[in-house]
C-alpha atoms as a PDB file:
ATOM      1  CA  MET A   1       0.054   0.010   0.068  1.00  0.00           C
ATOM      2  CA  ALA A   2       1.276   3.497  -0.790  1.00  0.00           C
ATOM      3  CA  LYS A   3       2.383   5.525   2.058  1.00  0.00           C
ATOM      4  CA  ASN A   4       1.035   9.023   2.624  1.00  0.00           C
ATOM      5  CA  PRO A   5       3.529  11.493   1.337  1.00  0.00           C
ATOM      6  CA  HIS A   6       3.018  13.898   4.171  1.00  0.00           C
ATOM      7  CA  TYR A   7       3.218  14.058   7.980  1.00  0.00           C
ATOM      8  CA  PHE A   8       0.384  16.575   8.577  1.00  0.00           C
ATOM      9  CA  SER A   9      -3.369  16.452   7.949  1.00  0.00           C
ATOM     10  CA  GLN A  10      -4.191  20.155   8.277  1.00  0.00           C
ATOM     11  CA  MET A  11      -3.404  23.605   9.781  1.00  0.00           C
ATOM     12  CA  ALA A  12      -5.288  23.493  13.167  1.00  0.00           C
ATOM     13  CA  HIS A  13      -4.775  26.969  14.746  1.00  0.00           C
ATOM     14  CA  VAL A  14      -2.563  30.047  15.042  1.00  0.00           C
ATOM     15  CA  GLU A  15      -1.488  31.914  18.005  1.00  0.00           C
ATOM     16  CA  VAL A  16      -1.259  35.658  17.657  1.00  0.00           C
ATOM     17  CA  LEU A  17       0.591  37.887  20.239  1.00  0.00           C
ATOM     18  CA  THR A  18      -1.193  41.055  20.861  1.00  0.00           C
ATOM     19  CA  ALA A  19      -0.075  44.112  22.634  1.00  0.00           C
ATOM     20  CA  ASP A  20      -3.706  44.783  23.698  1.00  0.00           C
ATOM     21  CA  LEU A  21      -5.485  41.506  24.424  1.00  0.00           C
ATOM     22  CA  GLU A  22      -8.804  42.889  25.398  1.00  0.00           C
ATOM     23  CA  LYS A  23      -8.962  45.047  22.281  1.00  0.00           C
ATOM     24  CA  SER A  24      -8.088  41.968  20.184  1.00  0.00           C
ATOM     25  CA  VAL A  25     -10.704  39.740  21.936  1.00  0.00           C
ATOM     26  CA  HIS A  26     -13.315  42.303  21.315  1.00  0.00           C
ATOM     27  CA  PHE A  27     -12.536  42.714  17.636  1.00  0.00           C
ATOM     28  CA  PHE A  28     -12.476  38.914  16.956  1.00  0.00           C
ATOM     29  CA  GLY A  29     -15.270  38.092  19.293  1.00  0.00           C
ATOM     30  CA  GLU A  30     -17.877  40.881  18.798  1.00  0.00           C
ATOM     31  CA  VAL A  31     -16.946  42.435  15.428  1.00  0.00           C
ATOM     32  CA  VAL A  32     -15.621  39.359  13.486  1.00  0.00           C
ATOM     33  CA  GLY A  33     -18.076  37.206  15.312  1.00  0.00           C
ATOM     34  CA  MET A  34     -15.994  34.322  16.471  1.00  0.00           C
ATOM     35  CA  ASP A  35     -16.843  32.184  19.597  1.00  0.00           C
ATOM     36  CA  ILE A  36     -14.863  32.325  22.764  1.00  0.00           C
ATOM     37  CA  THR A  37     -14.159  28.665  23.653  1.00  0.00           C
ATOM     38  CA  GLY A  38     -11.623  29.061  26.492  1.00  0.00           C
ATOM     39  CA  ARG A  39      -9.657  31.620  28.681  1.00  0.00           C
ATOM     40  CA  GLU A  40      -6.459  31.552  30.645  1.00  0.00           C
ATOM     41  CA  GLU A  41      -4.848  34.419  32.476  1.00  0.00           C
ATOM     42  CA  ASN A  42      -3.041  35.881  29.426  1.00  0.00           C
ATOM     43  CA  SER A  43      -4.707  34.003  26.585  1.00  0.00           C
ATOM     44  CA  VAL A  44      -8.185  33.686  24.983  1.00  0.00           C
ATOM     45  CA  TYR A  45      -9.174  30.908  22.557  1.00  0.00           C
ATOM     46  CA  LEU A  46     -11.654  31.384  19.745  1.00  0.00           C
ATOM     47  CA  ARG A  47     -13.169  29.664  16.654  1.00  0.00           C
ATOM     48  CA  ALA A  48     -15.479  30.346  13.732  1.00  0.00           C
ATOM     49  CA  TRP A  49     -18.916  28.645  13.716  1.00  0.00           C
ATOM     50  CA  GLY A  50     -17.858  26.162  11.097  1.00  0.00           C
ATOM     51  CA  ASP A  51     -14.554  25.068  12.771  1.00  0.00           C
ATOM     52  CA  TYR A  52     -14.449  21.638  14.435  1.00  0.00           C
ATOM     53  CA  PHE A  53     -11.495  21.882  16.907  1.00  0.00           C
ATOM     54  CA  HIS A  54     -11.608  23.636  20.270  1.00  0.00           C
ATOM     55  CA  HIS A  55     -10.025  26.716  18.725  1.00  0.00           C
ATOM     56  CA  THR A  56      -8.435  28.029  15.592  1.00  0.00           C
ATOM     57  CA  LEU A  57      -7.210  31.229  17.071  1.00  0.00           C
ATOM     58  CA  LYS A  58      -5.421  31.869  20.320  1.00  0.00           C
ATOM     59  CA  LEU A  59      -4.788  35.403  21.321  1.00  0.00           C
ATOM     60  CA  THR A  60      -2.105  35.993  23.910  1.00  0.00           C
ATOM     61  CA  GLN A  61      -1.028  39.289  25.680  1.00  0.00           C
ATOM     62  CA  SER A  62       2.507  40.273  24.778  1.00  0.00           C
ATOM     63  CA  LYS A  63       4.670  43.408  24.948  1.00  0.00           C
ATOM     64  CA  ALA A  64       5.016  43.248  21.203  1.00  0.00           C
ATOM     65  CA  SER A  65       2.487  41.882  18.542  1.00  0.00           C
ATOM     66  CA  GLY A  66       3.432  39.035  16.237  1.00  0.00           C
ATOM     67  CA  LEU A  67       3.229  35.447  15.623  1.00  0.00           C
ATOM     68  CA  GLY A  68       3.175  33.054  18.667  1.00  0.00           C
ATOM     69  CA  HIS A  69       2.997  29.817  16.760  1.00  0.00           C
ATOM     70  CA  ILE A  70       1.116  27.861  14.033  1.00  0.00           C
ATOM     71  CA  GLY A  71      -0.394  24.597  15.104  1.00  0.00           C
ATOM     72  CA  TRP A  72      -0.590  21.610  12.748  1.00  0.00           C
ATOM     73  CA  ARG A  73      -2.426  18.279  13.381  1.00  0.00           C
ATOM     74  CA  ALA A  74      -0.470  15.104  12.436  1.00  0.00           C
ATOM     75  CA  ASP A  75      -1.920  12.741  10.045  1.00  0.00           C
ATOM     76  CA  SER A  76      -1.973   9.921  12.542  1.00  0.00           C
ATOM     77  CA  PRO A  77      -0.295   8.951  15.839  1.00  0.00           C
ATOM     78  CA  GLU A  78       2.431   7.160  13.845  1.00  0.00           C
ATOM     79  CA  ALA A  79       2.870  10.214  11.548  1.00  0.00           C
ATOM     80  CA  LEU A  80       3.425  12.423  14.652  1.00  0.00           C
ATOM     81  CA  GLU A  81       6.324  10.260  15.834  1.00  0.00           C
ATOM     82  CA  GLU A  82       7.628  10.194  12.246  1.00  0.00           C
ATOM     83  CA  ALA A  83       7.333  13.959  11.948  1.00  0.00           C
ATOM     84  CA  VAL A  84       9.281  14.368  15.262  1.00  0.00           C
ATOM     85  CA  ALA A  85      12.048  12.079  14.196  1.00  0.00           C
ATOM     86  CA  TYR A  86      12.403  13.862  10.957  1.00  0.00           C
ATOM     87  CA  LEU A  87      12.225  17.399  12.435  1.00  0.00           C
ATOM     88  CA  GLU A  88      14.782  16.370  15.072  1.00  0.00           C
ATOM     89  CA  SER A  89      17.060  14.882  12.295  1.00  0.00           C
ATOM     90  CA  ILE A  90      17.334  18.202  10.394  1.00  0.00           C
ATOM     91  CA  GLY A  91      17.774  20.387  13.551  1.00  0.00           C
ATOM     92  CA  ALA A  92      14.354  21.937  13.450  1.00  0.00           C
ATOM     93  CA  GLY A  93      13.010  20.460  16.665  1.00  0.00           C
ATOM     94  CA  ARG A  94      12.511  22.480  19.793  1.00  0.00           C
ATOM     95  CA  GLY A  95      11.078  19.831  22.125  1.00  0.00           C
ATOM     96  CA  TRP A  96       7.747  18.637  23.598  1.00  0.00           C
ATOM     97  CA  TYR A  97       5.429  20.466  25.727  1.00  0.00           C
ATOM     98  CA  ASP A  98       1.999  19.421  27.392  1.00  0.00           C
ATOM     99  CA  GLY A  99      -0.191  21.288  24.969  1.00  0.00           C
ATOM    100  CA  ASP A 100      -2.761  24.085  25.144  1.00  0.00           C
ATOM    101  CA  GLN A 101      -6.475  23.870  25.751  1.00  0.00           C
ATOM    102  CA  GLY A 102      -8.072  21.705  23.157  1.00  0.00           C
ATOM    103  CA  HIS A 103      -5.136  19.397  22.129  1.00  0.00           C
ATOM    104  CA  GLY A 104      -2.741  17.063  23.593  1.00  0.00           C
ATOM    105  CA  ARG A 105       1.047  17.172  23.963  1.00  0.00           C
ATOM    106  CA  ALA A 106       2.773  18.922  21.094  1.00  0.00           C
ATOM    107  CA  PHE A 107       6.185  18.967  19.525  1.00  0.00           C
ATOM    108  CA  ARG A 108       7.518  22.428  18.908  1.00  0.00           C
ATOM    109  CA  PHE A 109       9.573  23.113  15.783  1.00  0.00           C
ATOM    110  CA  GLN A 110      10.907  26.093  13.843  1.00  0.00           C
ATOM    111  CA  SER A 111      10.926  26.657  10.058  1.00  0.00           C
ATOM    112  CA  PRO A 112      14.062  28.031   8.634  1.00  0.00           C
ATOM    113  CA  GLU A 113      13.270  31.799   9.076  1.00  0.00           C
ATOM    114  CA  GLY A 114      12.397  31.474  12.725  1.00  0.00           C
ATOM    115  CA  HIS A 115       8.612  31.023  12.716  1.00  0.00           C
ATOM    116  CA  MET A 116       7.461  28.754  15.511  1.00  0.00           C
ATOM    117  CA  HIS A 117       5.290  25.772  14.883  1.00  0.00           C
ATOM    118  CA  GLU A 118       3.895  22.657  16.670  1.00  0.00           C
ATOM    119  CA  VAL A 119       2.466  19.325  15.725  1.00  0.00           C
ATOM    120  CA  PHE A 120       0.123  17.205  17.651  1.00  0.00           C
ATOM    121  CA  TRP A 121      -2.371  14.395  17.279  1.00  0.00           C
ATOM    122  CA  GLU A 122      -4.866  14.321  20.134  1.00  0.00           C
ATOM    123  CA  VAL A 123      -7.580  16.931  19.694  1.00  0.00           C
ATOM    124  CA  GLU A 124     -10.840  18.003  21.381  1.00  0.00           C
ATOM    125  CA  TRP A 125     -13.674  17.880  18.850  1.00  0.00           C
ATOM    126  CA  LEU A 126     -15.879  20.614  20.333  1.00  0.00           C
ATOM    127  CA  ARG A 127     -19.516  19.945  19.588  1.00  0.00           C
ATOM    128  CA  GLU A 128     -21.677  22.822  21.013  1.00  0.00           C
ATOM    129  CA  ASP A 129     -25.231  22.382  22.356  1.00  0.00           C
ATOM    130  CA  GLY A 130     -27.874  24.825  23.572  1.00  0.00           C
ATOM    131  CA  GLU A 131     -27.780  28.198  21.891  1.00  0.00           C
ATOM    132  CA  ARG A 132     -24.683  27.402  20.077  1.00  0.00           C
ATOM    133  CA  GLY A 133     -25.736  23.943  18.956  1.00  0.00           C
ATOM    134  CA  SER A 134     -26.897  22.986  15.490  1.00  0.00           C
ATOM    135  CA  VAL A 135     -29.489  20.719  14.100  1.00  0.00           C
ATOM    136  CA  TYR A 136     -26.989  19.575  11.473  1.00  0.00           C
ATOM    137  CA  ALA A 137     -25.017  16.558  12.571  1.00  0.00           C
ATOM    138  CA  ASP A 138     -21.981  17.712  10.720  1.00  0.00           C
ATOM    139  CA  ARG A 139     -21.915  21.035  12.175  1.00  0.00           C
ATOM    140  CA  TYR A 140     -20.287  21.368  15.559  1.00  0.00           C
ATOM    141  CA  ALA A 141     -21.854  24.920  16.120  1.00  0.00           C
ATOM    142  CA  SER A 142     -24.671  26.758  14.597  1.00  0.00           C
ATOM    143  CA  ASN A 143     -24.594  29.609  12.243  1.00  0.00           C
ATOM    144  CA  ARG A 144     -25.851  32.381  14.391  1.00  0.00           C
ATOM    145  CA  MET A 145     -25.065  35.124  11.810  1.00  0.00           C
ATOM    146  CA  LYS A 146     -22.979  36.953  14.440  1.00  0.00           C
ATOM    147  CA  GLY A 147     -20.833  39.935  13.367  1.00  0.00           C
ATOM    148  CA  ALA A 148     -19.003  39.557  10.024  1.00  0.00           C
ATOM    149  CA  ASN A 149     -19.752  35.791  10.511  1.00  0.00           C
ATOM    150  CA  PRO A 150     -16.637  33.857   8.888  1.00  0.00           C
ATOM    151  CA  ARG A 151     -17.341  30.186   8.600  1.00  0.00           C
ATOM    152  CA  ARG A 152     -13.885  28.564   8.951  1.00  0.00           C
ATOM    153  CA  PHE A 153     -10.090  29.063   9.435  1.00  0.00           C
ATOM    154  CA  ASP A 154      -8.420  29.014   6.146  1.00  0.00           C
ATOM    155  CA  HIS A 155      -4.775  29.925   6.015  1.00  0.00           C
ATOM    156  CA  VAL A 156      -1.737  31.924   7.354  1.00  0.00           C
ATOM    157  CA  THR A 157       0.797  33.974   5.371  1.00  0.00           C
ATOM    158  CA  TYR A 158       4.160  35.031   6.719  1.00  0.00           C
ATOM    159  CA  MET A 159       7.244  36.836   5.425  1.00  0.00           C
ATOM    160  CA  VAL A 160      10.956  35.758   5.039  1.00  0.00           C
ATOM    161  CA  ALA A 161      14.095  37.737   4.433  1.00  0.00           C
ATOM    162  CA  LYS A 162      15.706  38.357   1.133  1.00  0.00           C
ATOM    163  CA  GLY A 163      17.143  35.214  -0.465  1.00  0.00           C
ATOM    164  CA  LYS A 164      15.574  32.936   2.217  1.00  0.00           C
ATOM    165  CA  TYR A 165      12.415  31.722   0.471  1.00  0.00           C
ATOM    166  CA  PRO A 166      14.178  28.768  -1.362  1.00  0.00           C
ATOM    167  CA  GLU A 167      15.005  27.469   2.113  1.00  0.00           C
ATOM    168  CA  GLU A 168      11.523  27.738   3.269  1.00  0.00           C
ATOM    169  CA  LYS A 169      10.146  26.089   0.087  1.00  0.00           C
ATOM    170  CA  ALA A 170      12.419  23.089   0.565  1.00  0.00           C
ATOM    171  CA  PHE A 171      11.387  22.773   4.147  1.00  0.00           C
ATOM    172  CA  TRP A 172       7.681  22.557   3.427  1.00  0.00           C
ATOM    173  CA  LYS A 173       8.089  20.283   0.460  1.00  0.00           C
ATOM    174  CA  ALA A 174      10.083  17.878   2.421  1.00  0.00           C
ATOM    175  CA  LEU A 175       7.151  17.723   4.976  1.00  0.00           C
ATOM    176  CA  GLY A 176       4.896  16.687   2.132  1.00  0.00           C
ATOM    177  CA  PHE A 177       3.397  19.906   1.024  1.00  0.00           C
ATOM    178  CA  LYS A 178       2.190  20.660  -2.436  1.00  0.00           C
ATOM    179  CA  ASN A 179       3.367  23.913  -4.122  1.00  0.00           C
ATOM    180  CA  PRO A 180       0.766  24.784  -6.520  1.00  0.00           C
ATOM    181  CA  ASP A 181       1.680  28.551  -7.094  1.00  0.00           C
ATOM    182  CA  GLU A 182       5.165  30.250  -7.114  1.00  0.00           C
ATOM    183  CA  ILE A 183       6.065  33.865  -7.354  1.00  0.00           C
ATOM    184  CA  ARG A 184       9.119  34.922  -9.284  1.00  0.00           C
ATOM    185  CA  ILE A 185      10.882  38.038 -10.517  1.00  0.00           C
ATOM    186  CA  SER A 186      12.172  36.188 -13.665  1.00  0.00           C
ATOM    187  CA  ASP A 187      12.803  32.561 -14.575  1.00  0.00           C
ATOM    188  CA  GLU A 188      16.513  33.145 -14.228  1.00  0.00           C
ATOM    189  CA  GLN A 189      16.332  34.013 -10.624  1.00  0.00           C
ATOM    190  CA  PRO A 190      15.233  31.825  -7.591  1.00  0.00           C
ATOM    191  CA  PRO A 191      11.560  32.156  -6.617  1.00  0.00           C
ATOM    192  CA  ILE A 192      10.633  34.695  -4.018  1.00  0.00           C
ATOM    193  CA  GLY A 193       7.329  33.362  -2.740  1.00  0.00           C
ATOM    194  CA  GLY A 194       4.810  30.717  -3.073  1.00  0.00           C
ATOM    195  CA  LEU A 195       1.581  29.028  -1.784  1.00  0.00           C
ATOM    196  CA  HIS A 196       1.913  25.546   0.018  1.00  0.00           C
ATOM    197  CA  THR A 197      -0.878  23.095   0.593  1.00  0.00           C
ATOM    198  CA  LEU A 198      -1.481  19.800   2.320  1.00  0.00           C
ATOM    199  CA  ALA A 199      -4.639  18.750   0.530  1.00  0.00           C
ATOM    200  CA  ASN A 200      -7.037  20.692  -1.744  1.00  0.00           C
ATOM    201  CA  LEU A 201      -7.158  24.169  -0.489  1.00  0.00           C
ATOM    202  CA  SER A 202      -5.322  26.669  -2.566  1.00  0.00           C
ATOM    203  CA  HIS A 203      -2.943  27.063   0.335  1.00  0.00           C
ATOM    204  CA  ASP A 204      -2.616  26.342   3.987  1.00  0.00           C
ATOM    205  CA  ILE A 205       0.388  28.500   4.259  1.00  0.00           C
ATOM    206  CA  ALA A 206       1.862  31.242   2.003  1.00  0.00           C
ATOM    207  CA  VAL A 207       5.367  32.380   2.260  1.00  0.00           C
ATOM    208  CA  PHE A 208       6.651  35.635   0.633  1.00  0.00           C
ATOM    209  CA  THR A 209       9.940  37.490   0.605  1.00  0.00           C
ATOM    210  CA  ASP A 210      10.192  40.819   2.022  1.00  0.00           C
ATOM    211  CA  PRO A 211      13.690  42.239   1.305  1.00  0.00           C
ATOM    212  CA  ASN A 212      13.248  44.851   4.158  1.00  0.00           C
ATOM    213  CA  ILE A 213      13.395  42.519   7.003  1.00  0.00           C
ATOM    214  CA  GLU A 214      16.333  40.766   8.602  1.00  0.00           C
ATOM    215  CA  PRO A 215      16.822  36.995   8.723  1.00  0.00           C
ATOM    216  CA  ASN A 216      14.925  35.202  11.486  1.00  0.00           C
ATOM    217  CA  GLN A 217      12.602  38.078  12.227  1.00  0.00           C
ATOM    218  CA  ALA A 218       9.648  35.657  11.894  1.00  0.00           C
ATOM    219  CA  VAL A 219       7.256  38.286  10.578  1.00  0.00           C
ATOM    220  CA  LEU A 220       3.558  37.455  10.322  1.00  0.00           C
ATOM    221  CA  ASN A 221       1.618  39.057   7.558  1.00  0.00           C
ATOM    222  CA  HIS A 222      -1.940  37.849   7.884  1.00  0.00           C
ATOM    223  CA  ILE A 223      -4.422  35.230   9.041  1.00  0.00           C
ATOM    224  CA  CYS A 224      -7.412  34.193   7.057  1.00  0.00           C
ATOM    225  CA  TRP A 225     -11.027  33.003   7.495  1.00  0.00           C
ATOM    226  CA  ASN A 226     -13.270  31.773   4.749  1.00  0.00           C
ATOM    227  CA  VAL A 227     -16.829  32.315   3.732  1.00  0.00           C
ATOM    228  CA  ASP A 228     -18.996  30.590   1.084  1.00  0.00           C
ATOM    229  CA  SER A 229     -19.592  33.393  -1.418  1.00  0.00           C
ATOM    230  CA  ARG A 230     -18.326  36.687  -2.696  1.00  0.00           C
ATOM    231  CA  GLU A 231     -21.681  38.256  -1.514  1.00  0.00           C
ATOM    232  CA  GLU A 232     -20.789  37.438   2.051  1.00  0.00           C
ATOM    233  CA  VAL A 233     -17.398  39.106   1.635  1.00  0.00           C
ATOM    234  CA  LEU A 234     -19.235  42.291   0.533  1.00  0.00           C
ATOM    235  CA  LEU A 235     -21.824  42.079   3.347  1.00  0.00           C
ATOM    236  CA  ALA A 236     -18.999  41.736   5.857  1.00  0.00           C
ATOM    237  CA  LEU A 237     -17.236  44.705   4.427  1.00  0.00           C
ATOM    238  CA  ASP A 238     -20.387  46.766   4.821  1.00  0.00           C
ATOM    239  CA  TYR A 239     -20.494  45.464   8.556  1.00  0.00           C
ATOM    240  CA  PHE A 240     -16.844  46.410   9.202  1.00  0.00           C
ATOM    241  CA  ILE A 241     -17.382  49.880   7.866  1.00  0.00           C
ATOM    242  CA  GLU A 242     -20.485  50.427   9.992  1.00  0.00           C
ATOM    243  CA  LYS A 243     -18.257  49.368  12.932  1.00  0.00           C
ATOM    244  CA  GLY A 244     -15.665  52.003  11.994  1.00  0.00           C
ATOM    245  CA  PHE A 245     -13.150  49.647  10.149  1.00  0.00           C
ATOM    246  CA  LYS A 246     -11.787  50.130   6.641  1.00  0.00           C
ATOM    247  CA  SER A 247     -10.481  47.693   4.054  1.00  0.00           C
ATOM    248  CA  VAL A 248      -6.726  48.249   3.953  1.00  0.00           C
ATOM    249  CA  MET A 249      -6.661  47.929   0.150  1.00  0.00           C
ATOM    250  CA  GLY A 250      -9.813  49.998  -0.383  1.00  0.00           C
ATOM    251  CA  ALA A 251     -12.356  48.144  -2.487  1.00  0.00           C
ATOM    252  CA  PRO A 252     -12.559  44.353  -2.352  1.00  0.00           C
ATOM    253  CA  THR A 253     -10.351  42.671  -4.920  1.00  0.00           C
ATOM    254  CA  ARG A 254      -9.155  39.254  -6.158  1.00  0.00           C
ATOM    255  CA  HIS A 255      -5.863  37.487  -5.812  1.00  0.00           C
ATOM    256  CA  LYS A 256      -4.406  36.547  -9.165  1.00  0.00           C
ATOM    257  CA  ALA A 257      -2.369  33.657  -7.621  1.00  0.00           C
ATOM    258  CA  ASP A 258      -5.484  31.728  -6.354  1.00  0.00           C
ATOM    259  CA  GLU A 259      -8.409  33.610  -7.398  1.00  0.00           C
ATOM    260  CA  GLY A 260      -9.694  34.332  -3.831  1.00  0.00           C
ATOM    261  CA  PHE A 261     -11.935  37.221  -3.451  1.00  0.00           C
ATOM    262  CA  PHE A 262     -10.856  39.167  -0.438  1.00  0.00           C
ATOM    263  CA  ILE A 263     -10.602  42.094   2.096  1.00  0.00           C
ATOM    264  CA  TYR A 264      -8.069  42.819   4.637  1.00  0.00           C
ATOM    265  CA  ILE A 265      -9.095  44.381   7.898  1.00  0.00           C
ATOM    266  CA  MET A 266      -6.622  45.319  10.626  1.00  0.00           C
ATOM    267  CA  ASP A 267      -7.155  44.122  14.171  1.00  0.00           C
ATOM    268  CA  PRO A 268      -6.669  47.181  16.403  1.00  0.00           C
ATOM    269  CA  GLY A 269      -5.254  45.229  19.318  1.00  0.00           C
ATOM    270  CA  SER A 270      -2.332  43.511  17.479  1.00  0.00           C
ATOM    271  CA  GLY A 271      -2.206  45.580  14.308  1.00  0.00           C
ATOM    272  CA  ILE A 272      -2.135  42.308  12.413  1.00  0.00           C
ATOM    273  CA  LEU A 273      -4.058  41.819   9.164  1.00  0.00           C
ATOM    274  CA  PHE A 274      -7.276  39.597   9.148  1.00  0.00           C
ATOM    275  CA  GLU A 275      -8.276  38.334   5.670  1.00  0.00           C
ATOM    276  CA  TYR A 276     -11.957  37.662   4.808  1.00  0.00           C
ATOM    277  CA  TYR A 277     -11.961  35.391   1.766  1.00  0.00           C
ATOM    278  CA  ALA A 278     -14.044  33.484  -0.589  1.00  0.00           C
ATOM    279  CA  CYS A 279     -14.128  31.445  -3.930  1.00  0.00           C
ATOM    280  CA  ALA A 280     -10.405  30.466  -4.257  1.00  0.00           C
ATOM    281  CA  ARG A 281      -9.927  27.642  -6.615  1.00  0.00           C
ATOM    282  CA  LEU A 282      -9.155  24.141  -5.252  1.00  0.00           C
ATOM    283  CA  VAL A 283      -6.051  22.006  -6.054  1.00  0.00           C
ATOM    284  CA  PHE A 284      -6.234  18.303  -6.688  1.00  0.00           C
ATOM    285  CA  ALA A 285      -3.190  17.376  -8.586  1.00  0.00           C
ATOM    286  CA  PRO A 286      -0.059  16.600  -6.597  1.00  0.00           C
ATOM    287  CA  ASP A 287       2.288  18.170  -9.247  1.00  0.00           C
ATOM    288  CA  HIS A 288       0.199  21.251 -10.100  1.00  0.00           C
ATOM    289  CA  LEU A 289       2.322  24.399 -10.479  1.00  0.00           C
ATOM    290  CA  ASP A 290       1.378  27.892 -11.825  1.00  0.00           C
ATOM    291  CA  VAL A 291       4.130  30.573 -12.099  1.00  0.00           C
ATOM    292  CA  HIS A 292       3.266  34.257 -11.370  1.00  0.00           C
ATOM    293  CA  TYR A 293       5.710  37.092 -11.894  1.00  0.00           C
ATOM    294  CA  LEU A 294       6.184  39.997  -9.580  1.00  0.00           C
ATOM    295  CA  LYS A 295       5.515  42.632 -12.222  1.00  0.00           C
ATOM    296  CA  ASP A 296       1.995  41.287 -12.794  1.00  0.00           C
ATOM    297  CA  ASN A 297       1.004  41.875  -9.189  1.00  0.00           C
ATOM    298  CA  PRO A 298      -0.073  38.343  -8.042  1.00  0.00           C
ATOM    299  CA  ASN A 299      -1.801  39.640  -4.959  1.00  0.00           C
ATOM    300  CA  ASP A 300      -4.326  41.847  -6.767  1.00  0.00           C
ATOM    301  CA  ALA A 301      -5.814  40.792 -10.103  1.00  0.00           C
ATOM    302  CA  TRP A 302      -7.936  43.965 -10.299  1.00  0.00           C
ATOM    303  CA  GLY A 303      -5.195  46.549  -9.672  1.00  0.00           C
ATOM    304  CA  ALA A 304      -6.408  48.264  -6.548  1.00  0.00           C
ATOM    305  CA  ALA A 305      -2.964  48.170  -4.820  1.00  0.00           C
ATOM    306  CA  ASN A 306       0.523  46.592  -5.354  1.00  0.00           C
ATOM    307  CA  PRO A 307       2.075  45.920  -1.958  1.00  0.00           C
ATOM    308  CA  PHE A 308       4.954  44.241  -3.740  1.00  0.00           C
ATOM    309  CA  ALA A 309       5.840  47.349  -5.630  1.00  0.00           C
ATOM    310  CA  GLU A 310       6.050  49.168  -2.374  1.00  0.00           C
ATOM    311  CA  MET A 311       8.878  46.918  -1.121  1.00  0.00           C
ATOM    312  CA  GLY A 312      11.042  48.488  -3.865  1.00  0.00           C
ATOM    313  CA  LYS A 313      10.716  51.778  -2.122  1.00  0.00           C
ATOM    314  CA  GLY A 314      12.184  50.383   0.997  1.00  0.00           C
ATOM    315  CA  LYS A 315       8.988  49.702   2.793  1.00  0.00           C
ATOM    316  CA  LYS A 316       8.016  46.522   4.647  1.00  0.00           C
ATOM    317  CA  LEU A 317       5.072  44.329   3.363  1.00  0.00           C
ATOM    318  CA  GLY A 318       2.414  45.388   5.894  1.00  0.00           C
ATOM    319  CA  LEU A 319      -0.615  47.376   4.912  1.00  0.00           C
ATOM    320  CA  SER A 320      -2.047  50.308   6.674  1.00  0.00           C
ATOM    321  CA  GLU A 321      -5.800  51.087   7.172  1.00  0.00           C
ATOM    322  CA  ASP A 322      -5.635  53.800   4.478  1.00  0.00           C
ATOM    323  CA  GLY A 323      -4.324  51.335   1.789  1.00  0.00           C
ATOM    324  CA  THR A 324      -0.698  52.306   1.966  1.00  0.00           C
ATOM    325  CA  VAL A 325       2.174  50.161   3.026  1.00  0.00           C
ATOM    326  CA  ARG A 326       3.426  50.697   6.489  1.00  0.00           C
ATOM    327  CA  PRO A 327       6.649  49.576   8.183  1.00  0.00           C
ATOM    328  CA  ALA A 328       5.799  46.343  10.048  1.00  0.00           C
ATOM    329  CA  ASP A 329       5.906  46.909  13.811  1.00  0.00           C
ATOM    330  CA  ILE A 330       5.729  43.105  14.756  1.00  0.00           C
END
């Protein structure tokens, strides 16, 4: 029997470090509309109504905002042990810990540019009842049309220093990820970014070069939640505007690299971008690869803004609320 070519089954959650925990909790809980599923002294756990695990977002109070870690579920108990052995063999392992709320013990590891990750197997499948419960057996919470109302956690995008993307690409491919989209300046130069997926999503994780950051800064760009239609993205933008928030790229637009229709909204507590997203194409072939060129602005098919062009002006790839690019403060 063929062996699965990957160690992980899916991205399970992301931890965001925030300089103002209560402001971030209010944003994601009351404005975005996610459910709070757990609390600790310095952390709050949340998920969207269509998520199945205990949480998909962990918010943690910190002096500086940024990425805490990205959590991955292993493909099986055996795959977890195999992943740990492999990660230790390449020097990426950072050891075991007992785990957060909602999952069992986890093994921490770092990708080449210093971003922290963890992998685990045991999880809590949180099925709600009462007001949060659903009549649908395959929904673990009901759609209560709360806030902007995202359905599920989708992906994370982070940045690496100049010349470092090929190392990240090799790292994720060795863990069994597909690489359906790649960003290049020209065919004669190494790639500067790409999308990486475990299964059929356009990407679980996107990695892009920002030449204005130093190696191992581990900069987080954005986290993304998905809805079922472009109309829901538009309705959400109306809701965000009514609550005093702006789309950081102005009007909604569409990614050229994966066709996702999206808006970016900034969490006022952490200053990190939240992406609201629908209708990206799916990937089924294990060897699928589309090449995109920087000059064609793969982030924005409709031409509203080109954050990649701003990097040539010495700016870091972090968008401000007025649609310009701001120096990253994380």
